[in-house]
Each structure stands twice: as structure tokens, then as C-alpha cells.
Amino acid sequence: MREIIINDNDASQRLDKFLTKYLTIPQSMLYKSLRKNCVRVNGSHVRDGKYTLQSGDVVRLYMSDDFFPAEIEYSAGSADIDVVYEDENIILINKPAGLVAHSDDKGTADTLLKRMTDYLYKKGEYEPQSEHSFAPALCNRLDRNTSGIIIGAKNAAALRIINEKIRSREIKKLYLCVADGYTDDKASLTAYLTRGEKKVTVSDEPAESSKLIKTSYKTLARSGGRSLVEVEIETGRTHQIRAHMAHIGHPLSGDKKYGSKTAQKIQLASYKLHFAFKSDAGILNYLNDREFQIAVDFASTFSAANS
């Protein structure tokens, strides 16, 4: 038997979802255990996995030890991150180009997520031994070669809220990039994106398995056959900015995958973040209308060369 006292990070989620995270158990056996009186909450048999856990609930599990997690031996590594902003709920980090946000299919160990978790662990803000179902998480993604602001959640409530606000487009993200050629002053673009094995394709008409994409931009400067462009994406698809700009004849400089002939590194950064809540944000209401911006080296260099 294992007894678990539900903490704030475990609360407000369904019992079956919690058990799926906490246990190593097939789904069929999990629901069989619920039916067979192997799961009790506050002394009562709970058959319904939809039960919403509350902080302070006492969950007793009468199952084989093989299903329970092993003792956690946390090994902290590099905590080298560029913190843009931080409070008790969230952390904004400037991810450098070249660093992956999450572990990839190559099993890359050095990730922004691991560095952030190590940073919080060393500060004493993350105690894995005290957690049953939560670990610090990144709320948005950036490609390996894209730099800029990523939002990290320090607790489950913040993670749920940020994820919901991203889905409802109540967090505005702006990007800077350098594109080949001279782009129009501004444009609002609509097209359709289809994912392939190694790259995506963009077309003006819908195709099988394609998804609608919307991209807006304005040109900030032009020089030497290239343009410094500010971009906002209404839909967050894989490689959307890279593929959509290439589709209109202005691939990002150095982006050979999408047709650039320029010999340089891709210059793309998520440089500005604006919290624009249209509805209640719970414990994060204090962030409403706040804006965060980072300096981008390639933008400064471009502007200097253009002056």
C-alpha cells in the first residue's frame, strides 16, 4: 500500500490523469484497479477516474510495488540560463540559438528544459522528492536555430493558465528575422502548410493534410539586398515563419532548407512577449498588459549597417 497526500501541484486534475502520471501501469489495469477497490480517497473507494483531486486529499493505493515510481535521485547539471523575468509562478528565459528546448529524437541531454529545471532545483524552488505528478515545464517551443523568449511554468496552476492563454491567443509573441530581398512595408498572409519528413511545404490552396497558417509582418529596415522584418504568427505551425517567408520569395537569410542562397546563419528570434488577457487569469492576473522585450544582436548589427 502507498499513501499519497495531494499537494497544490497535484490538485485540480482528474484522479485517472494523476495516476497515469504517477504510476507505471497499463491503462486497462489502471481502470481495473479503480473498479476493484484498489484506489481510495479519504478512506472511500473511488471508482470514477473523473474525480477531481483537491489539495489535502489522502489517496491510498493497494497495488503491486512494481507500479510505483522508484526513489528519485536527481542529478543537477548546468543551470546556465539567461533569465529575462522571474517570479514565484513563471520564468521567462532567452534561449540561445543552437540549444534545443526539449530532448529530441537524437536523445540530446543538454536542453533548455533541463537547464531551467536544474536552475530551479539549485535555488530550492523545485524539490522532485516532494512532487508526485509535476515538474517545471516550458509552455512554448522554439526551434533549435531560433533564439528568444520561452515561458517556463514553476507550478501546475501557472502551467494550465499559460497553456490556455496561448491556445486562446491572449499572449502575443513577436519575432525578428533577416530575410533575403526587399520585403513589402507590411503584409498579412494566409496560406496552407503541409508537414513532410524533413521540411514543410506551403501552398496558396488547401491540400490533403494541410493546415491553415496566418502570418503578418512589417519591414523595419532594408540594406544590402536583405530586410529586417518583424513577424507575428496567428497560427503556430512547425517552421511557419521560415516556410511562409520562403513561399512569398523571401526566405530567411542563410536558410538553405527553404531556398536561401545567402552564406550565413539563420537569424530568427522571438524578441517580444505581451500578456493581453481577455478573461480571468487566476493567479497570473498581475501579468496582464505587461510586455517583455530582449535585445537581439543581429537586429542591432543590421540597423548599424543600414545607418
Protein backbone atom coordinates (compact mmCIF):
# COMPACT_ATOMS: atom_id res chain seq x y z
CA MET A 1 0.00 0.00 0.00
CA ARG A 2 1.17 3.51 -0.82
CA GLU A 3 -0.30 6.65 0.75
CA ILE A 4 -0.09 9.98 -1.06
CA ILE A 5 -1.16 13.37 0.26
CA ILE A 6 -2.23 15.52 -2.65
CA ASN A 7 -0.36 18.83 -2.85
CA ASP A 8 -1.21 22.02 -4.75
CA ASN A 9 0.55 20.82 -7.92
CA ASP A 10 -1.43 17.56 -7.90
CA ALA A 11 -4.79 19.23 -7.23
CA SER A 12 -7.43 20.28 -9.76
CA GLN A 13 -6.79 17.31 -12.04
CA ARG A 14 -8.71 14.11 -12.60
CA LEU A 15 -7.77 11.13 -10.48
CA ASP A 16 -7.09 8.91 -13.52
CA LYS A 17 -4.84 11.56 -15.09
CA PHE A 18 -2.88 11.86 -11.86
CA LEU A 19 -2.48 8.10 -11.54
CA THR A 20 -1.33 7.86 -15.17
CA LYS A 21 1.49 10.29 -14.38
CA TYR A 22 2.37 8.80 -11.01
CA LEU A 23 2.24 5.09 -11.79
CA THR A 24 3.86 2.87 -14.40
CA ILE A 25 0.79 0.86 -15.24
CA PRO A 26 -1.17 -0.12 -18.38
CA GLN A 27 -4.35 1.89 -18.80
CA SER A 28 -6.53 -1.21 -18.78
CA MET A 29 -5.06 -2.31 -15.45
CA LEU A 30 -5.43 1.20 -14.03
CA TYR A 31 -9.17 1.25 -14.66
CA LYS A 32 -9.49 -2.32 -13.42
CA SER A 33 -7.79 -1.20 -10.18
CA LEU A 34 -10.31 1.62 -9.84
CA ARG A 35 -13.19 -0.85 -10.19
CA LYS A 36 -11.63 -3.40 -7.81
CA ASN A 37 -11.39 -1.11 -4.76
CA CYS A 38 -7.61 -0.65 -5.11
CA VAL A 39 -7.89 3.15 -5.03
CA ARG A 40 -9.29 5.00 -2.03
CA VAL A 41 -9.55 8.74 -1.47
CA ASN A 42 -10.01 9.99 2.08
CA GLY A 43 -10.93 6.44 3.12
CA SER A 44 -13.61 5.94 0.46
CA HIS A 45 -13.46 3.68 -2.58
CA VAL A 46 -13.40 5.84 -5.70
CA ARG A 47 -14.43 4.03 -8.87
CA ASP A 48 -14.75 7.09 -11.09
CA GLY A 49 -11.44 8.24 -12.57
CA LYS A 50 -13.06 11.60 -13.31
CA TYR A 51 -12.97 12.53 -9.62
CA THR A 52 -11.20 15.91 -9.28
CA LEU A 53 -8.44 15.84 -6.71
CA GLN A 54 -8.29 18.52 -4.03
CA SER A 55 -5.24 19.70 -2.13
CA GLY A 56 -5.02 17.70 1.10
CA ASP A 57 -6.81 14.62 -0.24
CA VAL A 58 -5.32 11.37 1.04
CA VAL A 59 -5.00 8.77 -1.72
CA ARG A 60 -4.25 5.17 -0.78
CA LEU A 61 -3.20 2.76 -3.50
CA TYR A 62 -3.38 -1.01 -2.94
CA MET A 63 -1.23 -2.21 -5.84
CA SER A 64 1.93 -4.11 -6.65
CA ASP A 65 5.16 -2.29 -5.79
CA ASP A 66 6.21 -2.75 -9.41
CA PHE A 67 3.78 0.00 -10.43
CA PHE A 68 5.17 2.66 -8.10
CA PRO A 69 7.94 5.07 -9.10
CA ALA A 70 11.47 4.38 -7.95
CA GLU A 71 13.18 6.66 -5.46
CA ILE A 72 14.25 9.86 -7.20
CA GLU A 73 17.95 10.57 -7.37
CA TYR A 74 18.11 13.96 -9.02
CA SER A 75 21.36 14.90 -10.73
CA ALA A 76 21.71 18.61 -11.40
CA GLY A 77 23.90 19.75 -14.28
CA SER A 78 24.34 23.09 -15.97
CA ALA A 79 22.00 25.84 -14.80
CA ASP A 80 23.28 28.31 -17.40
CA ILE A 81 20.22 30.28 -18.49
CA ASP A 82 19.59 33.92 -19.40
CA VAL A 83 16.67 34.97 -17.19
CA VAL A 84 14.56 37.78 -18.67
CA TYR A 85 11.97 37.83 -15.87
CA GLU A 86 11.07 35.63 -12.92
CA ASP A 87 8.53 35.45 -10.12
CA GLU A 88 7.02 32.73 -7.93
CA ASN A 89 4.92 31.34 -10.80
CA ILE A 90 6.74 31.78 -14.09
CA ILE A 91 10.19 32.35 -15.56
CA LEU A 92 10.99 33.92 -18.94
CA ILE A 93 14.23 32.69 -20.50
CA ASN A 94 16.16 33.93 -23.50
CA LYS A 95 17.03 30.71 -25.35
CA PRO A 96 20.21 30.92 -27.41
CA ALA A 97 20.24 29.66 -30.99
CA GLY A 98 21.68 26.16 -31.20
CA LEU A 99 20.18 24.89 -27.95
CA VAL A 100 17.13 22.60 -28.18
CA ALA A 101 14.20 23.37 -25.90
CA HIS A 102 13.28 19.72 -25.24
CA SER A 103 15.04 16.42 -25.77
CA ASP A 104 14.89 15.46 -29.44
CA ASP A 105 14.84 12.18 -31.33
CA LYS A 106 18.63 12.07 -31.01
CA GLY A 107 18.31 11.97 -27.22
CA THR A 108 20.05 15.30 -26.68
CA ALA A 109 20.65 15.67 -22.94
CA ASP A 110 21.57 19.36 -22.82
CA THR A 111 18.23 21.09 -23.28
CA LEU A 112 16.74 24.36 -22.13
CA LEU A 113 14.18 22.43 -20.08
CA LYS A 114 16.92 20.55 -18.21
CA ARG A 115 18.89 23.76 -17.60
CA MET A 116 15.77 25.53 -16.28
CA THR A 117 14.91 22.59 -14.02
CA ASP A 118 18.47 22.49 -12.68
CA TYR A 119 18.35 26.25 -12.09
CA LEU A 120 15.15 25.95 -10.04
CA TYR A 121 16.49 22.87 -8.22
CA LYS A 122 19.64 24.70 -7.16
CA LYS A 123 17.53 27.66 -5.97
CA GLY A 124 15.42 25.32 -3.86
CA GLU A 125 12.26 26.08 -5.85
CA TYR A 126 11.93 22.57 -7.25
CA GLU A 127 12.06 19.56 -4.96
CA PRO A 128 11.48 16.41 -7.05
CA GLN A 129 11.21 14.23 -3.94
CA SER A 130 8.14 16.23 -2.88
CA GLU A 131 6.34 16.06 -6.23
CA HIS A 132 4.07 13.26 -7.40
CA SER A 133 2.92 14.42 -10.84
CA PHE A 134 4.53 17.78 -11.64
CA ALA A 135 7.87 19.04 -12.87
CA PRO A 136 8.72 22.52 -14.17
CA ALA A 137 7.72 22.82 -17.82
CA LEU A 138 8.20 25.01 -20.88
CA CYS A 139 4.95 26.44 -22.20
CA ASN A 140 6.04 27.31 -25.75
CA ARG A 141 8.57 25.92 -28.19
CA LEU A 142 11.28 27.39 -30.39
CA ASP A 143 13.30 25.52 -33.00
CA ARG A 144 16.95 24.76 -32.29
CA ASN A 145 18.16 27.60 -34.52
CA THR A 146 15.64 30.13 -33.21
CA SER A 147 16.60 32.27 -30.23
CA GLY A 148 14.40 34.28 -27.91
CA ILE A 149 11.86 34.25 -25.13
CA ILE A 150 10.43 31.00 -23.81
CA ILE A 151 7.93 30.84 -20.93
CA GLY A 152 8.59 28.38 -18.12
CA ALA A 153 5.98 27.38 -15.53
CA LYS A 154 7.07 26.78 -11.94
CA ASN A 155 3.81 25.22 -10.76
CA ALA A 156 0.86 23.32 -12.18
CA ALA A 157 -1.61 26.19 -11.90
CA ALA A 158 0.65 28.53 -13.86
CA LEU A 159 1.21 25.84 -16.50
CA ARG A 160 -2.53 25.33 -17.01
CA ILE A 161 -3.20 29.06 -17.27
CA ILE A 162 -0.34 29.86 -19.65
CA ASN A 163 -1.21 26.93 -21.92
CA GLU A 164 -4.83 28.08 -22.06
CA LYS A 165 -3.86 31.70 -22.77
CA ILE A 166 -1.55 30.58 -25.58
CA ARG A 167 -4.36 28.50 -27.10
CA SER A 168 -6.78 31.45 -26.91
CA ARG A 169 -4.17 33.85 -28.33
CA GLU A 170 -4.08 36.01 -25.21
CA ILE A 171 -0.28 36.05 -25.22
CA LYS A 172 1.19 37.96 -28.16
CA LYS A 173 4.61 36.88 -29.46
CA LEU A 174 6.63 38.92 -31.96
CA TYR A 175 9.66 37.73 -33.88
CA LEU A 176 12.56 39.42 -35.65
CA CYS A 177 14.22 37.92 -38.68
CA VAL A 178 16.50 38.82 -41.58
CA ALA A 179 15.07 37.84 -44.97
CA ASP A 180 16.56 37.75 -48.45
CA GLY A 181 15.44 40.55 -50.77
CA TYR A 182 13.42 43.66 -50.03
CA THR A 183 10.08 42.78 -48.45
CA ASP A 184 6.94 44.92 -48.70
CA ASP A 185 6.40 47.53 -45.99
CA LYS A 186 3.84 45.24 -44.36
CA ALA A 187 1.58 42.34 -45.22
CA SER A 188 -0.94 39.91 -43.78
CA LEU A 189 -0.50 36.48 -45.32
CA THR A 190 -2.74 33.42 -45.43
CA ALA A 191 -1.73 30.05 -46.86
CA TYR A 192 -1.74 26.30 -46.16
CA LEU A 193 1.11 24.31 -44.63
CA THR A 194 1.76 20.59 -45.06
CA ARG A 195 4.34 18.75 -42.97
CA GLY A 196 6.82 16.42 -44.64
CA GLU A 197 9.52 14.17 -43.24
CA LYS A 198 12.28 16.78 -43.24
CA LYS A 199 10.57 20.06 -44.12
CA VAL A 200 7.19 21.64 -44.61
CA THR A 201 5.59 22.95 -47.80
CA VAL A 202 3.32 25.96 -48.19
CA SER A 203 0.64 26.41 -50.85
CA ASP A 204 -1.99 29.03 -51.62
CA GLU A 205 -4.76 26.42 -51.81
CA PRO A 206 -5.62 23.72 -49.25
CA ALA A 207 -4.18 20.28 -49.88
CA GLU A 208 -4.59 16.90 -48.23
CA SER A 209 -3.39 17.06 -44.60
CA SER A 210 -2.60 20.78 -44.90
CA LYS A 211 -3.36 23.29 -42.14
CA LEU A 212 -4.26 26.96 -42.42
CA ILE A 213 -1.49 29.40 -41.48
CA LYS A 214 -1.67 33.15 -40.91
CA THR A 215 1.44 35.30 -40.80
CA SER A 216 1.74 39.10 -40.56
CA TYR A 217 4.89 41.16 -40.91
CA LYS A 218 6.24 44.67 -41.23
CA THR A 219 9.61 45.70 -42.58
CA LEU A 220 11.83 47.62 -40.15
CA ALA A 221 14.88 48.20 -42.37
CA ARG A 222 16.42 47.26 -45.72
CA SER A 223 20.09 47.03 -46.64
CA GLY A 224 22.43 45.06 -48.88
CA GLY A 225 19.69 43.08 -50.55
CA ARG A 226 18.17 41.94 -47.27
CA SER A 227 15.34 43.06 -44.97
CA LEU A 228 14.95 43.21 -41.20
CA VAL A 229 11.39 42.08 -40.55
CA GLU A 230 9.10 41.92 -37.51
CA VAL A 231 6.74 38.95 -37.72
CA GLU A 232 3.64 37.86 -35.83
CA ILE A 233 2.09 34.44 -36.38
CA GLU A 234 -1.56 33.84 -35.63
CA THR A 235 -1.11 30.10 -36.05
CA GLY A 236 1.90 28.35 -34.52
CA ARG A 237 2.86 25.68 -37.06
CA THR A 238 6.22 23.96 -37.48
CA HIS A 239 8.68 26.19 -39.42
CA GLN A 240 5.80 28.56 -40.20
CA ILE A 241 7.84 31.75 -40.43
CA ARG A 242 10.65 30.12 -42.40
CA ALA A 243 8.37 28.37 -44.87
CA HIS A 244 5.86 31.19 -45.28
CA MET A 245 8.53 33.83 -45.93
CA ALA A 246 10.16 31.49 -48.46
CA HIS A 247 6.78 30.96 -50.12
CA ILE A 248 6.50 34.69 -50.89
CA GLY A 249 10.03 34.76 -52.29
CA HIS A 250 11.87 35.99 -49.20
CA PRO A 251 13.45 33.05 -47.38
CA LEU A 252 15.29 33.82 -44.18
CA SER A 253 18.90 34.62 -44.99
CA GLY A 254 21.02 31.50 -44.65
CA ASP A 255 18.02 29.15 -44.54
CA LYS A 256 19.19 26.76 -47.26
CA LYS A 257 16.43 24.27 -46.41
CA TYR A 258 13.89 26.79 -47.68
CA GLY A 259 15.81 28.21 -50.61
CA SER A 260 18.18 30.91 -49.35
CA LYS A 261 21.45 31.27 -51.25
CA THR A 262 22.99 33.52 -48.58
CA ALA A 263 26.03 32.12 -46.78
CA GLN A 264 25.27 32.91 -43.13
CA LYS A 265 23.44 31.50 -40.12
CA ILE A 266 19.68 31.81 -39.91
CA GLN A 267 18.71 34.90 -37.95
CA LEU A 268 15.35 34.44 -36.25
CA ALA A 269 14.42 35.47 -32.71
CA SER A 270 11.27 35.62 -30.59
CA TYR A 271 12.03 39.02 -29.13
CA LYS A 272 8.85 40.46 -27.64
CA LEU A 273 6.12 39.00 -25.42
CA HIS A 274 2.90 40.77 -24.44
CA PHE A 275 0.37 39.37 -21.97
CA ALA A 276 -3.04 40.51 -23.25
CA PHE A 277 -5.59 38.62 -21.17
CA LYS A 278 -9.21 38.90 -22.28
CA SER A 279 -10.52 36.74 -19.45
CA ASP A 280 -9.61 35.85 -15.87
CA ALA A 281 -6.06 34.52 -15.49
CA GLY A 282 -6.33 33.44 -11.85
CA ILE A 283 -3.01 33.64 -10.04
CA LEU A 284 -1.43 35.27 -13.11
CA ASN A 285 -3.77 38.26 -13.40
CA TYR A 286 -0.91 40.54 -12.30
CA LEU A 287 0.81 39.86 -15.65
CA ASN A 288 -2.00 41.38 -17.71
CA ASP A 289 -0.81 44.14 -20.08
CA ARG A 290 2.82 43.53 -19.19
CA GLU A 291 5.34 43.39 -22.03
CA PHE A 292 8.83 41.92 -22.09
CA GLN A 293 11.46 42.50 -24.76
CA ILE A 294 15.03 41.37 -25.32
CA ALA A 295 17.85 42.95 -27.30
CA VAL A 296 18.70 40.99 -30.45
CA ASP A 297 22.31 41.20 -31.65
CA PHE A 298 21.59 40.61 -35.31
CA ALA A 299 18.95 43.34 -35.33
CA SER A 300 21.39 45.83 -33.83
CA THR A 301 24.07 44.84 -36.33
CA PHE A 302 21.63 45.14 -39.23
CA SER A 303 20.43 48.58 -38.12
CA ALA A 304 24.01 49.79 -37.65
CA ALA A 305 24.96 48.65 -41.15
CA ASN A 306 21.90 50.40 -42.54
CA SER A 307 22.57 53.75 -40.83
